[in-house]
Amino acid sequence: MALLENVRHPKHYTRGKIEVIDFIEDQGFDFLEGNVVKYLARYKWKGAPLEDLKKAEFYLERLIKREEARRRG
């Protein structure tokens, strides 16, 4: 049962009053946006802070490129 609980509600996602996934869904974020939020929200608590910040950076860079492409038409 502990494994299932760790899959559904890992400690690094459940800090604070709401889970990160609930915030992402409430805001209607897409895949790129949600991953930026997810990795920023957990980077201090998961045990690999620099790795999670780099992952957030990766998704943020893709999000920026997408928005730049939309502006160009």
Protein backbone atom coordinates (compact mmCIF):
# COMPACT_ATOMS: atom_id res chain seq x y z
CA MET A 1 0.00 0.00 0.00
CA ALA A 2 2.90 2.38 0.69
CA LEU A 3 4.06 2.05 -2.92
CA LEU A 4 0.64 2.99 -4.24
CA GLU A 5 0.47 5.95 -1.86
CA ASN A 6 3.91 7.09 -3.03
CA VAL A 7 2.69 6.93 -6.65
CA ARG A 8 -0.55 8.79 -5.99
CA HIS A 9 0.60 11.28 -3.38
CA PRO A 10 4.41 11.53 -3.20
CA LYS A 11 5.67 13.70 -0.35
CA HIS A 12 7.44 16.10 -2.72
CA TYR A 13 4.07 16.82 -4.41
CA THR A 14 1.98 17.18 -1.29
CA ARG A 15 3.64 20.05 0.53
CA GLY A 16 1.32 22.88 1.46
CA LYS A 17 -2.45 22.93 1.41
CA ILE A 18 -3.03 21.53 -2.10
CA GLU A 19 -1.21 19.13 -4.38
CA VAL A 20 0.62 20.57 -7.35
CA ILE A 21 -1.45 18.50 -9.78
CA ASP A 22 -4.65 20.04 -8.39
CA PHE A 23 -3.26 23.54 -8.97
CA ILE A 24 -2.13 22.67 -12.50
CA GLU A 25 -5.55 21.26 -13.39
CA ASP A 26 -7.40 24.16 -11.74
CA GLN A 27 -5.43 26.65 -13.81
CA GLY A 28 -5.91 24.71 -17.05
CA PHE A 29 -2.18 24.51 -17.74
CA ASP A 30 -1.07 22.45 -20.71
CA PHE A 31 1.81 19.94 -20.69
CA LEU A 32 4.65 22.46 -20.96
CA GLU A 33 3.16 24.92 -18.48
CA GLY A 34 2.29 22.17 -16.02
CA ASN A 35 5.78 20.72 -16.08
CA VAL A 36 7.36 24.11 -15.38
CA VAL A 37 5.08 24.51 -12.36
CA LYS A 38 5.60 20.89 -11.24
CA TYR A 39 9.39 21.03 -11.27
CA LEU A 40 9.55 24.45 -9.63
CA ALA A 41 7.14 23.41 -6.91
CA ARG A 42 9.12 20.33 -5.92
CA TYR A 43 12.77 21.17 -6.57
CA LYS A 44 13.63 21.88 -2.92
CA TRP A 45 11.99 18.75 -1.57
CA LYS A 46 12.71 15.88 -3.94
CA GLY A 47 16.43 15.49 -3.30
CA ALA A 48 17.79 16.64 -6.67
CA PRO A 49 17.23 20.41 -6.68
CA LEU A 50 19.52 21.31 -9.57
CA GLU A 51 18.14 18.48 -11.71
CA ASP A 52 14.55 19.62 -11.19
CA LEU A 53 15.49 23.26 -11.89
CA LYS A 54 17.14 22.15 -15.14
CA LYS A 55 13.99 20.22 -16.05
CA ALA A 56 11.88 23.31 -15.36
CA GLU A 57 14.28 25.31 -17.52
CA PHE A 58 13.95 22.76 -20.36
CA TYR A 59 10.15 23.03 -20.38
CA LEU A 60 10.24 26.81 -19.95
CA GLU A 61 12.57 27.18 -22.94
CA ARG A 62 10.17 25.11 -25.07
CA LEU A 63 7.26 27.21 -23.85
CA ILE A 64 9.12 30.41 -24.75
CA LYS A 65 9.96 29.08 -28.23
CA ARG A 66 6.32 28.13 -28.76
CA GLU A 67 5.13 31.61 -27.79
CA GLU A 68 7.77 33.27 -29.99
CA ALA A 69 6.61 31.12 -32.93
CA ARG A 70 3.00 32.17 -32.31
CA ARG A 71 3.99 35.84 -32.41
CA ARG A 72 5.79 35.35 -35.71
CA GLY A 73 2.64 33.78 -37.10
